[in-house]
PDB file of all heavy atoms in Angstrom:
ATOM      1  N   SER A   1     -22.543  -6.557   2.359  1.00  0.00           N
ATOM      2  CA  SER A   1     -21.393  -7.599   2.267  1.00  0.00           C
ATOM      3  C   SER A   1     -21.340  -8.112   0.908  1.00  0.00           C
ATOM      4  O   SER A   1     -22.349  -8.594   0.319  1.00  0.00           O
ATOM      5  CB  SER A   1     -21.721  -8.661   3.355  1.00  0.00           C
ATOM      6  OG  SER A   1     -20.568  -9.630   3.275  1.00  0.00           O
ATOM      7  N   SER A   2     -20.183  -8.154   0.315  1.00  0.00           N
ATOM      8  CA  SER A   2     -19.911  -8.797  -0.929  1.00  0.00           C
ATOM      9  C   SER A   2     -18.436  -8.960  -1.040  1.00  0.00           C
ATOM     10  O   SER A   2     -17.619  -8.344  -0.386  1.00  0.00           O
ATOM     11  CB  SER A   2     -20.416  -7.948  -2.116  1.00  0.00           C
ATOM     12  OG  SER A   2     -19.605  -6.776  -2.344  1.00  0.00           O
ATOM     13  N   LYS A   3     -17.964  -9.820  -1.976  1.00  0.00           N
ATOM     14  CA  LYS A   3     -16.540  -9.974  -2.129  1.00  0.00           C
ATOM     15  C   LYS A   3     -15.840  -8.745  -2.483  1.00  0.00           C
ATOM     16  O   LYS A   3     -14.683  -8.450  -2.001  1.00  0.00           O
ATOM     17  CB  LYS A   3     -16.352 -11.152  -3.204  1.00  0.00           C
ATOM     18  CG  LYS A   3     -14.820 -11.473  -3.495  1.00  0.00           C
ATOM     19  CD  LYS A   3     -14.690 -12.531  -4.607  1.00  0.00           C
ATOM     20  CE  LYS A   3     -13.214 -12.799  -4.892  1.00  0.00           C
ATOM     21  NZ  LYS A   3     -13.053 -13.768  -5.871  1.00  0.00           N
ATOM     22  N   ILE A   4     -16.537  -7.997  -3.379  1.00  0.00           N
ATOM     23  CA  ILE A   4     -15.819  -6.753  -3.957  1.00  0.00           C
ATOM     24  C   ILE A   4     -15.741  -5.763  -2.782  1.00  0.00           C
ATOM     25  O   ILE A   4     -14.740  -5.035  -2.583  1.00  0.00           O
ATOM     26  CB  ILE A   4     -16.507  -6.189  -5.075  1.00  0.00           C
ATOM     27  CG1 ILE A   4     -16.250  -7.115  -6.359  1.00  0.00           C
ATOM     28  CG2 ILE A   4     -16.087  -4.799  -5.533  1.00  0.00           C
ATOM     29  CD1 ILE A   4     -17.026  -6.692  -7.599  1.00  0.00           C
ATOM     30  N   MET A   5     -16.803  -5.523  -1.966  1.00  0.00           N
ATOM     31  CA  MET A   5     -16.760  -4.544  -0.891  1.00  0.00           C
ATOM     32  C   MET A   5     -15.719  -4.938   0.129  1.00  0.00           C
ATOM     33  O   MET A   5     -15.139  -4.122   0.798  1.00  0.00           O
ATOM     34  CB  MET A   5     -18.228  -4.491  -0.291  1.00  0.00           C
ATOM     35  CG  MET A   5     -19.085  -3.375  -0.860  1.00  0.00           C
ATOM     36  SD  MET A   5     -18.247  -1.720  -1.111  1.00  0.00           S
ATOM     37  CE  MET A   5     -17.873  -1.401   0.611  1.00  0.00           C
ATOM     38  N   ASP A   6     -15.639  -6.346   0.380  1.00  0.00           N
ATOM     39  CA  ASP A   6     -14.516  -6.781   1.231  1.00  0.00           C
ATOM     40  C   ASP A   6     -13.185  -6.312   0.813  1.00  0.00           C
ATOM     41  O   ASP A   6     -12.314  -5.903   1.577  1.00  0.00           O
ATOM     42  CB  ASP A   6     -14.637  -8.270   1.367  1.00  0.00           C
ATOM     43  CG  ASP A   6     -15.815  -8.800   2.232  1.00  0.00           C
ATOM     44  OD1 ASP A   6     -16.453  -7.883   2.863  1.00  0.00           O
ATOM     45  OD2 ASP A   6     -16.141  -9.935   2.136  1.00  0.00           O
ATOM     46  N   GLU A   7     -12.980  -6.474  -0.602  1.00  0.00           N
ATOM     47  CA  GLU A   7     -11.696  -6.016  -1.087  1.00  0.00           C
ATOM     48  C   GLU A   7     -11.450  -4.538  -0.984  1.00  0.00           C
ATOM     49  O   GLU A   7     -10.425  -4.036  -0.707  1.00  0.00           O
ATOM     50  CB  GLU A   7     -11.679  -6.314  -2.625  1.00  0.00           C
ATOM     51  CG  GLU A   7     -11.595  -7.895  -2.969  1.00  0.00           C
ATOM     52  CD  GLU A   7     -11.680  -8.240  -4.422  1.00  0.00           C
ATOM     53  OE1 GLU A   7     -11.906  -7.234  -5.180  1.00  0.00           O
ATOM     54  OE2 GLU A   7     -11.582  -9.415  -4.767  1.00  0.00           O
ATOM     55  N   VAL A   8     -12.549  -3.754  -1.204  1.00  0.00           N
ATOM     56  CA  VAL A   8     -12.515  -2.309  -1.070  1.00  0.00           C
ATOM     57  C   VAL A   8     -12.111  -1.951   0.392  1.00  0.00           C
ATOM     58  O   VAL A   8     -11.183  -1.173   0.710  1.00  0.00           O
ATOM     59  CB  VAL A   8     -13.885  -1.668  -1.434  1.00  0.00           C
ATOM     60  CG1 VAL A   8     -13.825  -0.138  -1.062  1.00  0.00           C
ATOM     61  CG2 VAL A   8     -14.064  -1.851  -2.924  1.00  0.00           C
ATOM     62  N   ASN A   9     -12.725  -2.538   1.399  1.00  0.00           N
ATOM     63  CA  ASN A   9     -12.551  -2.216   2.770  1.00  0.00           C
ATOM     64  C   ASN A   9     -11.145  -2.595   3.090  1.00  0.00           C
ATOM     65  O   ASN A   9     -10.476  -1.914   3.948  1.00  0.00           O
ATOM     66  CB  ASN A   9     -13.516  -2.881   3.654  1.00  0.00           C
ATOM     67  CG  ASN A   9     -14.918  -2.365   3.481  1.00  0.00           C
ATOM     68  OD1 ASN A   9     -15.156  -1.200   3.236  1.00  0.00           O
ATOM     69  ND2 ASN A   9     -15.970  -3.275   3.605  1.00  0.00           N
ATOM     70  N   SER A  10     -10.568  -3.691   2.674  1.00  0.00           N
ATOM     71  CA  SER A  10      -9.219  -4.185   2.838  1.00  0.00           C
ATOM     72  C   SER A  10      -8.251  -3.127   2.345  1.00  0.00           C
ATOM     73  O   SER A  10      -7.230  -2.809   2.948  1.00  0.00           O
ATOM     74  CB  SER A  10      -8.947  -5.494   2.362  1.00  0.00           C
ATOM     75  OG  SER A  10      -9.704  -6.465   2.973  1.00  0.00           O
ATOM     76  N   SER A  11      -8.466  -2.616   1.105  1.00  0.00           N
ATOM     77  CA  SER A  11      -7.627  -1.670   0.503  1.00  0.00           C
ATOM     78  C   SER A  11      -7.545  -0.336   1.226  1.00  0.00           C
ATOM     79  O   SER A  11      -6.655   0.371   1.145  1.00  0.00           O
ATOM     80  CB  SER A  11      -8.060  -1.480  -0.969  1.00  0.00           C
ATOM     81  OG  SER A  11      -7.970  -2.587  -1.782  1.00  0.00           O
ATOM     82  N   LEU A  12      -8.662  -0.045   1.839  1.00  0.00           N
ATOM     83  CA  LEU A  12      -8.717   1.252   2.539  1.00  0.00           C
ATOM     84  C   LEU A  12      -8.043   1.246   3.950  1.00  0.00           C
ATOM     85  O   LEU A  12      -7.692   2.335   4.425  1.00  0.00           O
ATOM     86  CB  LEU A  12     -10.102   1.685   2.792  1.00  0.00           C
ATOM     87  CG  LEU A  12     -10.954   2.161   1.637  1.00  0.00           C
ATOM     88  CD1 LEU A  12     -12.513   2.239   1.845  1.00  0.00           C
ATOM     89  CD2 LEU A  12     -10.439   3.520   1.144  1.00  0.00           C
ATOM     90  N   VAL A  13      -7.765   0.082   4.399  1.00  0.00           N
ATOM     91  CA  VAL A  13      -7.058  -0.138   5.699  1.00  0.00           C
ATOM     92  C   VAL A  13      -5.573   0.406   5.495  1.00  0.00           C
ATOM     93  O   VAL A  13      -4.856  -0.109   4.687  1.00  0.00           O
ATOM     94  CB  VAL A  13      -7.067  -1.508   6.166  1.00  0.00           C
ATOM     95  CG1 VAL A  13      -6.204  -1.585   7.554  1.00  0.00           C
ATOM     96  CG2 VAL A  13      -8.441  -1.937   6.558  1.00  0.00           C
ATOM     97  N   GLY A  14      -5.189   1.431   6.268  1.00  0.00           N
ATOM     98  CA  GLY A  14      -3.833   1.937   6.107  1.00  0.00           C
ATOM     99  C   GLY A  14      -3.580   2.772   4.730  1.00  0.00           C
ATOM    100  O   GLY A  14      -2.439   3.036   4.452  1.00  0.00           O
ATOM    101  N   SER A  15      -4.620   2.992   4.021  1.00  0.00           N
ATOM    102  CA  SER A  15      -4.495   3.717   2.736  1.00  0.00           C
ATOM    103  C   SER A  15      -4.317   5.226   3.008  1.00  0.00           C
ATOM    104  O   SER A  15      -4.588   5.734   3.950  1.00  0.00           O
ATOM    105  CB  SER A  15      -5.772   3.522   1.969  1.00  0.00           C
ATOM    106  OG  SER A  15      -5.744   4.229   0.790  1.00  0.00           O
ATOM    107  N   TYR A  16      -3.671   5.699   1.871  1.00  0.00           N
ATOM    108  CA  TYR A  16      -3.494   7.223   1.771  1.00  0.00           C
ATOM    109  C   TYR A  16      -4.858   7.887   1.844  1.00  0.00           C
ATOM    110  O   TYR A  16      -5.015   9.044   2.184  1.00  0.00           O
ATOM    111  CB  TYR A  16      -2.624   7.622   0.576  1.00  0.00           C
ATOM    112  CG  TYR A  16      -2.786   9.009   0.091  1.00  0.00           C
ATOM    113  CD1 TYR A  16      -2.016  10.036   0.635  1.00  0.00           C
ATOM    114  CD2 TYR A  16      -3.576   9.305  -0.920  1.00  0.00           C
ATOM    115  CE1 TYR A  16      -2.041  11.347   0.135  1.00  0.00           C
ATOM    116  CE2 TYR A  16      -3.763  10.599  -1.384  1.00  0.00           C
ATOM    117  CZ  TYR A  16      -2.978  11.624  -0.842  1.00  0.00           C
ATOM    118  OH  TYR A  16      -3.118  12.928  -1.326  1.00  0.00           O
ATOM    119  N   THR A  17      -5.841   7.250   1.146  1.00  0.00           N
ATOM    120  CA  THR A  17      -7.164   7.846   0.904  1.00  0.00           C
ATOM    121  C   THR A  17      -7.948   7.977   2.170  1.00  0.00           C
ATOM    122  O   THR A  17      -7.979   7.143   3.043  1.00  0.00           O
ATOM    123  CB  THR A  17      -7.926   6.943  -0.076  1.00  0.00           C
ATOM    124  OG1 THR A  17      -7.098   6.762  -1.281  1.00  0.00           O
ATOM    125  CG2 THR A  17      -9.236   7.536  -0.489  1.00  0.00           C
ATOM    126  N   GLU A  18      -8.511   9.169   2.356  1.00  0.00           N
ATOM    127  CA  GLU A  18      -9.439   9.392   3.507  1.00  0.00           C
ATOM    128  C   GLU A  18     -10.828   8.859   3.187  1.00  0.00           C
ATOM    129  O   GLU A  18     -11.397   9.294   2.188  1.00  0.00           O
ATOM    130  CB  GLU A  18      -9.530  10.815   3.842  1.00  0.00           C
ATOM    131  CG  GLU A  18     -10.357  11.090   5.121  1.00  0.00           C
ATOM    132  CD  GLU A  18     -10.285  12.571   5.515  1.00  0.00           C
ATOM    133  OE1 GLU A  18      -9.358  13.369   5.011  1.00  0.00           O
ATOM    134  OE2 GLU A  18     -11.120  12.946   6.398  1.00  0.00           O
ATOM    135  N   ASN A  19     -11.252   7.942   3.983  1.00  0.00           N
ATOM    136  CA  ASN A  19     -12.589   7.298   3.783  1.00  0.00           C
ATOM    137  C   ASN A  19     -13.700   8.039   4.548  1.00  0.00           C
ATOM    138  O   ASN A  19     -13.524   8.057   5.776  1.00  0.00           O
ATOM    139  CB  ASN A  19     -12.496   5.845   4.220  1.00  0.00           C
ATOM    140  CG  ASN A  19     -13.753   5.124   3.994  1.00  0.00           C
ATOM    141  OD1 ASN A  19     -14.586   5.524   3.187  1.00  0.00           O
ATOM    142  ND2 ASN A  19     -13.999   3.967   4.627  1.00  0.00           N
ATOM    143  N   ILE A  20     -14.544   8.649   3.813  1.00  0.00           N
ATOM    144  CA  ILE A  20     -15.623   9.452   4.501  1.00  0.00           C
ATOM    145  C   ILE A  20     -16.987   8.721   4.299  1.00  0.00           C
ATOM    146  O   ILE A  20     -17.453   8.539   3.225  1.00  0.00           O
ATOM    147  CB  ILE A  20     -15.788  10.884   3.819  1.00  0.00           C
ATOM    148  CG1 ILE A  20     -14.342  11.631   3.933  1.00  0.00           C
ATOM    149  CG2 ILE A  20     -16.938  11.587   4.441  1.00  0.00           C
ATOM    150  CD1 ILE A  20     -14.374  12.906   3.404  1.00  0.00           C
ATOM    151  N   ILE A  21     -17.480   8.228   5.479  1.00  0.00           N
ATOM    152  CA  ILE A  21     -18.783   7.426   5.472  1.00  0.00           C
ATOM    153  C   ILE A  21     -19.759   8.590   5.844  1.00  0.00           C
ATOM    154  O   ILE A  21     -19.773   9.151   6.854  1.00  0.00           O
ATOM    155  CB  ILE A  21     -18.676   6.394   6.512  1.00  0.00           C
ATOM    156  CG1 ILE A  21     -17.504   5.395   6.256  1.00  0.00           C
ATOM    157  CG2 ILE A  21     -20.078   5.750   6.633  1.00  0.00           C
ATOM    158  CD1 ILE A  21     -17.719   4.697   4.986  1.00  0.00           C
ATOM    159  N   LEU A  22     -20.798   8.723   4.868  1.00  0.00           N
ATOM    160  CA  LEU A  22     -21.734   9.764   5.069  1.00  0.00           C
ATOM    161  C   LEU A  22     -22.810   9.430   6.076  1.00  0.00           C
ATOM    162  O   LEU A  22     -23.613   8.482   5.911  1.00  0.00           O
ATOM    163  CB  LEU A  22     -22.382  10.161   3.773  1.00  0.00           C
ATOM    164  CG  LEU A  22     -21.593  11.046   2.892  1.00  0.00           C
ATOM    165  CD1 LEU A  22     -20.504  10.239   2.091  1.00  0.00           C
ATOM    166  CD2 LEU A  22     -22.459  11.848   1.872  1.00  0.00           C
ATOM    167  N   THR A  23     -22.964  10.215   7.149  1.00  0.00           N
ATOM    168  CA  THR A  23     -24.033  10.094   8.076  1.00  0.00           C
ATOM    169  C   THR A  23     -24.873  11.388   8.004  1.00  0.00           C
ATOM    170  O   THR A  23     -25.966  11.455   8.559  1.00  0.00           O
ATOM    171  CB  THR A  23     -23.517   9.949   9.549  1.00  0.00           C
ATOM    172  OG1 THR A  23     -22.602  10.917   9.795  1.00  0.00           O
ATOM    173  CG2 THR A  23     -22.759   8.627   9.660  1.00  0.00           C
ATOM    174  N   SER A  24     -24.373  12.404   7.313  1.00  0.00           N
ATOM    175  CA  SER A  24     -25.178  13.660   7.120  1.00  0.00           C
ATOM    176  C   SER A  24     -24.610  14.227   5.760  1.00  0.00           C
ATOM    177  O   SER A  24     -23.636  13.693   5.136  1.00  0.00           O
ATOM    178  CB  SER A  24     -24.933  14.573   8.230  1.00  0.00           C
ATOM    179  OG  SER A  24     -23.496  14.850   8.385  1.00  0.00           O
ATOM    180  N   ASN A  25     -25.178  15.344   5.428  1.00  0.00           N
ATOM    181  CA  ASN A  25     -24.830  15.924   4.162  1.00  0.00           C
ATOM    182  C   ASN A  25     -23.402  16.372   4.178  1.00  0.00           C
ATOM    183  O   ASN A  25     -22.845  16.913   5.200  1.00  0.00           O
ATOM    184  CB  ASN A  25     -25.671  17.204   3.870  1.00  0.00           C
ATOM    185  CG  ASN A  25     -27.134  16.853   3.754  1.00  0.00           C
ATOM    186  OD1 ASN A  25     -27.466  15.681   3.712  1.00  0.00           O
ATOM    187  ND2 ASN A  25     -28.023  17.848   3.639  1.00  0.00           N
ATOM    188  N   GLU A  26     -22.656  16.237   3.104  1.00  0.00           N
ATOM    189  CA  GLU A  26     -21.251  16.637   2.933  1.00  0.00           C
ATOM    190  C   GLU A  26     -21.234  17.717   1.699  1.00  0.00           C
ATOM    191  O   GLU A  26     -21.965  17.622   0.848  1.00  0.00           O
ATOM    192  CB  GLU A  26     -20.372  15.522   2.541  1.00  0.00           C
ATOM    193  CG  GLU A  26     -20.078  14.616   3.689  1.00  0.00           C
ATOM    194  CD  GLU A  26     -19.138  15.146   4.729  1.00  0.00           C
ATOM    195  OE1 GLU A  26     -18.285  15.958   4.335  1.00  0.00           O
ATOM    196  OE2 GLU A  26     -18.987  14.585   5.845  1.00  0.00           O
ATOM    197  N   VAL A  27     -20.313  18.614   1.924  1.00  0.00           N
ATOM    198  CA  VAL A  27     -20.137  19.777   0.943  1.00  0.00           C
ATOM    199  C   VAL A  27     -18.674  19.732   0.399  1.00  0.00           C
ATOM    200  O   VAL A  27     -17.779  19.775   1.163  1.00  0.00           O
ATOM    201  CB  VAL A  27     -20.588  21.077   1.521  1.00  0.00           C
ATOM    202  CG1 VAL A  27     -20.390  22.206   0.506  1.00  0.00           C
ATOM    203  CG2 VAL A  27     -21.979  21.093   2.082  1.00  0.00           C
ATOM    204  N   ILE A  28     -18.651  19.785  -0.910  1.00  0.00           N
ATOM    205  CA  ILE A  28     -17.314  20.011  -1.582  1.00  0.00           C
ATOM    206  C   ILE A  28     -17.340  21.405  -2.313  1.00  0.00           C
ATOM    207  O   ILE A  28     -18.304  21.588  -3.089  1.00  0.00           O
ATOM    208  CB  ILE A  28     -16.984  18.929  -2.592  1.00  0.00           C
ATOM    209  CG1 ILE A  28     -16.941  17.530  -1.916  1.00  0.00           C
ATOM    210  CG2 ILE A  28     -15.669  19.181  -3.258  1.00  0.00           C
ATOM    211  CD1 ILE A  28     -16.808  16.457  -2.891  1.00  0.00           C
ATOM    212  N   THR A  29     -16.462  22.194  -1.984  1.00  0.00           N
ATOM    213  CA  THR A  29     -16.445  23.577  -2.621  1.00  0.00           C
ATOM    214  C   THR A  29     -15.177  23.691  -3.485  1.00  0.00           C
ATOM    215  O   THR A  29     -14.022  23.650  -2.961  1.00  0.00           O
ATOM    216  CB  THR A  29     -16.406  24.664  -1.560  1.00  0.00           C
ATOM    217  OG1 THR A  29     -17.623  24.585  -0.742  1.00  0.00           O
ATOM    218  CG2 THR A  29     -16.567  26.035  -2.299  1.00  0.00           C
ATOM    219  N   LEU A  30     -15.412  23.939  -4.731  1.00  0.00           N
ATOM    220  CA  LEU A  30     -14.250  24.212  -5.672  1.00  0.00           C
ATOM    221  C   LEU A  30     -14.548  25.511  -6.412  1.00  0.00           C
ATOM    222  O   LEU A  30     -15.281  25.595  -7.423  1.00  0.00           O
ATOM    223  CB  LEU A  30     -14.110  23.045  -6.663  1.00  0.00           C
ATOM    224  CG  LEU A  30     -13.937  21.617  -6.120  1.00  0.00           C
ATOM    225  CD1 LEU A  30     -14.121  20.492  -7.132  1.00  0.00           C
ATOM    226  CD2 LEU A  30     -12.573  21.578  -5.370  1.00  0.00           C
ATOM    227  N   ASP A  31     -13.898  26.609  -5.905  1.00  0.00           N
ATOM    228  CA  ASP A  31     -14.172  27.897  -6.435  1.00  0.00           C
ATOM    229  C   ASP A  31     -15.641  28.153  -6.418  1.00  0.00           C
ATOM    230  O   ASP A  31     -16.287  28.149  -5.313  1.00  0.00           O
ATOM    231  CB  ASP A  31     -13.598  28.079  -7.844  1.00  0.00           C
ATOM    232  CG  ASP A  31     -12.102  27.934  -7.904  1.00  0.00           C
ATOM    233  OD1 ASP A  31     -11.456  28.267  -6.888  1.00  0.00           O
ATOM    234  OD2 ASP A  31     -11.505  27.657  -8.949  1.00  0.00           O
ATOM    235  N   ASP A  32     -16.297  28.435  -7.620  1.00  0.00           N
ATOM    236  CA  ASP A  32     -17.678  28.850  -7.576  1.00  0.00           C
ATOM    237  C   ASP A  32     -18.589  27.603  -7.728  1.00  0.00           C
ATOM    238  O   ASP A  32     -19.838  27.697  -7.961  1.00  0.00           O
ATOM    239  CB  ASP A  32     -17.953  29.795  -8.741  1.00  0.00           C
ATOM    240  CG  ASP A  32     -17.476  29.345 -10.122  1.00  0.00           C
ATOM    241  OD1 ASP A  32     -16.696  28.394 -10.219  1.00  0.00           O
ATOM    242  OD2 ASP A  32     -17.983  29.845 -11.151  1.00  0.00           O
ATOM    243  N   LEU A  33     -17.985  26.448  -7.739  1.00  0.00           N
ATOM    244  CA  LEU A  33     -18.815  25.172  -7.854  1.00  0.00           C
ATOM    245  C   LEU A  33     -18.960  24.600  -6.457  1.00  0.00           C
ATOM    246  O   LEU A  33     -17.976  24.348  -5.631  1.00  0.00           O
ATOM    247  CB  LEU A  33     -18.117  24.205  -8.764  1.00  0.00           C
ATOM    248  CG  LEU A  33     -18.683  22.802  -8.738  1.00  0.00           C
ATOM    249  CD1 LEU A  33     -20.062  22.696  -9.370  1.00  0.00           C
ATOM    250  CD2 LEU A  33     -17.741  21.790  -9.496  1.00  0.00           C
ATOM    251  N   THR A  34     -20.336  24.397  -6.091  1.00  0.00           N
ATOM    252  CA  THR A  34     -20.545  23.722  -4.723  1.00  0.00           C
ATOM    253  C   THR A  34     -21.192  22.388  -5.058  1.00  0.00           C
ATOM    254  O   THR A  34     -22.231  22.278  -5.904  1.00  0.00           O
ATOM    255  CB  THR A  34     -21.552  24.640  -3.937  1.00  0.00           C
ATOM    256  OG1 THR A  34     -20.908  25.886  -3.713  1.00  0.00           O
ATOM    257  CG2 THR A  34     -21.779  23.953  -2.686  1.00  0.00           C
ATOM    258  N   ILE A  35     -20.678  21.386  -4.407  1.00  0.00           N
ATOM    259  CA  ILE A  35     -21.294  19.974  -4.581  1.00  0.00           C
ATOM    260  C   ILE A  35     -21.717  19.536  -3.271  1.00  0.00           C
ATOM    261  O   ILE A  35     -20.923  19.390  -2.326  1.00  0.00           O
ATOM    262  CB  ILE A  35     -20.213  19.087  -5.062  1.00  0.00           C
ATOM    263  CG1 ILE A  35     -19.698  19.486  -6.511  1.00  0.00           C
ATOM    264  CG2 ILE A  35     -20.688  17.595  -5.249  1.00  0.00           C
ATOM    265  CD1 ILE A  35     -18.540  18.685  -7.077  1.00  0.00           C
ATOM    266  N   ASN A  36     -23.136  19.377  -3.149  1.00  0.00           N
ATOM    267  CA  ASN A  36     -23.648  18.768  -1.978  1.00  0.00           C
ATOM    268  C   ASN A  36     -23.860  17.290  -2.186  1.00  0.00           C
ATOM    269  O   ASN A  36     -24.531  16.925  -3.150  1.00  0.00           O
ATOM    270  CB  ASN A  36     -24.995  19.561  -1.650  1.00  0.00           C
ATOM    271  CG  ASN A  36     -24.779  21.003  -1.360  1.00  0.00           C
ATOM    272  OD1 ASN A  36     -23.952  21.384  -0.396  1.00  0.00           O
ATOM    273  ND2 ASN A  36     -25.408  21.868  -2.073  1.00  0.00           N
ATOM    274  N   ILE A  37     -23.519  16.525  -1.147  1.00  0.00           N
ATOM    275  CA  ILE A  37     -23.710  15.071  -1.257  1.00  0.00           C
ATOM    276  C   ILE A  37     -24.721  14.641  -0.142  1.00  0.00           C
ATOM    277  O   ILE A  37     -24.507  14.874   1.079  1.00  0.00           O
ATOM    278  CB  ILE A  37     -22.515  14.330  -1.057  1.00  0.00           C
ATOM    279  CG1 ILE A  37     -21.381  14.833  -2.029  1.00  0.00           C
ATOM    280  CG2 ILE A  37     -22.627  12.830  -1.340  1.00  0.00           C
ATOM    281  CD1 ILE A  37     -20.003  14.218  -1.788  1.00  0.00           C
ATOM    282  N   TYR A  38     -25.858  14.156  -0.538  1.00  0.00           N
ATOM    283  CA  TYR A  38     -26.899  13.758   0.366  1.00  0.00           C
ATOM    284  C   TYR A  38     -26.877  12.178   0.555  1.00  0.00           C
ATOM    285  O   TYR A  38     -26.993  11.461  -0.371  1.00  0.00           O
ATOM    286  CB  TYR A  38     -28.308  14.145  -0.106  1.00  0.00           C
ATOM    287  CG  TYR A  38     -28.437  15.625  -0.357  1.00  0.00           C
ATOM    288  CD1 TYR A  38     -28.298  16.175  -1.622  1.00  0.00           C
ATOM    289  CD2 TYR A  38     -28.711  16.534   0.652  1.00  0.00           C
ATOM    290  CE1 TYR A  38     -28.426  17.537  -1.902  1.00  0.00           C
ATOM    291  CE2 TYR A  38     -28.899  17.832   0.553  1.00  0.00           C
ATOM    292  CZ  TYR A  38     -28.787  18.436  -0.764  1.00  0.00           C
ATOM    293  OH  TYR A  38     -28.792  19.766  -1.022  1.00  0.00           O
ATOM    294  N   PRO A  39     -26.799  11.837   1.806  1.00  0.00           N
ATOM    295  CA  PRO A  39     -26.837  10.348   2.027  1.00  0.00           C
ATOM    296  C   PRO A  39     -28.242   9.772   1.939  1.00  0.00           C
ATOM    297  O   PRO A  39     -29.225  10.554   1.765  1.00  0.00           O
ATOM    298  CB  PRO A  39     -26.288  10.293   3.509  1.00  0.00           C
ATOM    299  CG  PRO A  39     -26.607  11.544   4.144  1.00  0.00           C
ATOM    300  CD  PRO A  39     -26.653  12.576   3.066  1.00  0.00           C
ATOM    301  N   TYR A  40     -28.278   8.450   2.068  1.00  0.00           N
ATOM    302  CA  TYR A  40     -29.627   7.816   1.991  1.00  0.00           C
ATOM    303  C   TYR A  40     -30.393   8.143   3.223  1.00  0.00           C
ATOM    304  O   TYR A  40     -29.789   8.473   4.307  1.00  0.00           O
ATOM    305  CB  TYR A  40     -29.528   6.303   1.784  1.00  0.00           C
ATOM    306  CG  TYR A  40     -29.189   5.531   3.023  1.00  0.00           C
ATOM    307  CD1 TYR A  40     -30.284   4.770   3.653  1.00  0.00           C
ATOM    308  CD2 TYR A  40     -28.014   5.471   3.555  1.00  0.00           C
ATOM    309  CE1 TYR A  40     -30.082   3.971   4.723  1.00  0.00           C
ATOM    310  CE2 TYR A  40     -27.773   4.745   4.701  1.00  0.00           C
ATOM    311  CZ  TYR A  40     -28.795   4.022   5.264  1.00  0.00           C
ATOM    312  OH  TYR A  40     -28.486   3.352   6.458  1.00  0.00           O
ATOM    313  N   MET A  41     -31.696   8.003   3.250  1.00  0.00           N
ATOM    314  CA  MET A  41     -32.555   8.258   4.424  1.00  0.00           C
ATOM    315  C   MET A  41     -32.531   7.063   5.252  1.00  0.00           C
ATOM    316  O   MET A  41     -32.479   5.952   4.884  1.00  0.00           O
ATOM    317  CB  MET A  41     -33.994   8.643   3.931  1.00  0.00           C
ATOM    318  CG  MET A  41     -34.052   9.979   3.103  1.00  0.00           C
ATOM    319  SD  MET A  41     -35.614  10.288   2.476  1.00  0.00           S
ATOM    320  CE  MET A  41     -35.687   9.072   1.053  1.00  0.00           C
TER     321      MET A  41
END
């Protein structure tokens, strides 16, 4: 909780942007580039 995070969460409501909350590893693939995103433990 913080003022800035409250602003971020408000901006995401009804936003075009898809909000992905990481509960497990996520993978972004761009041609031959693979990006793995590991969440906190």
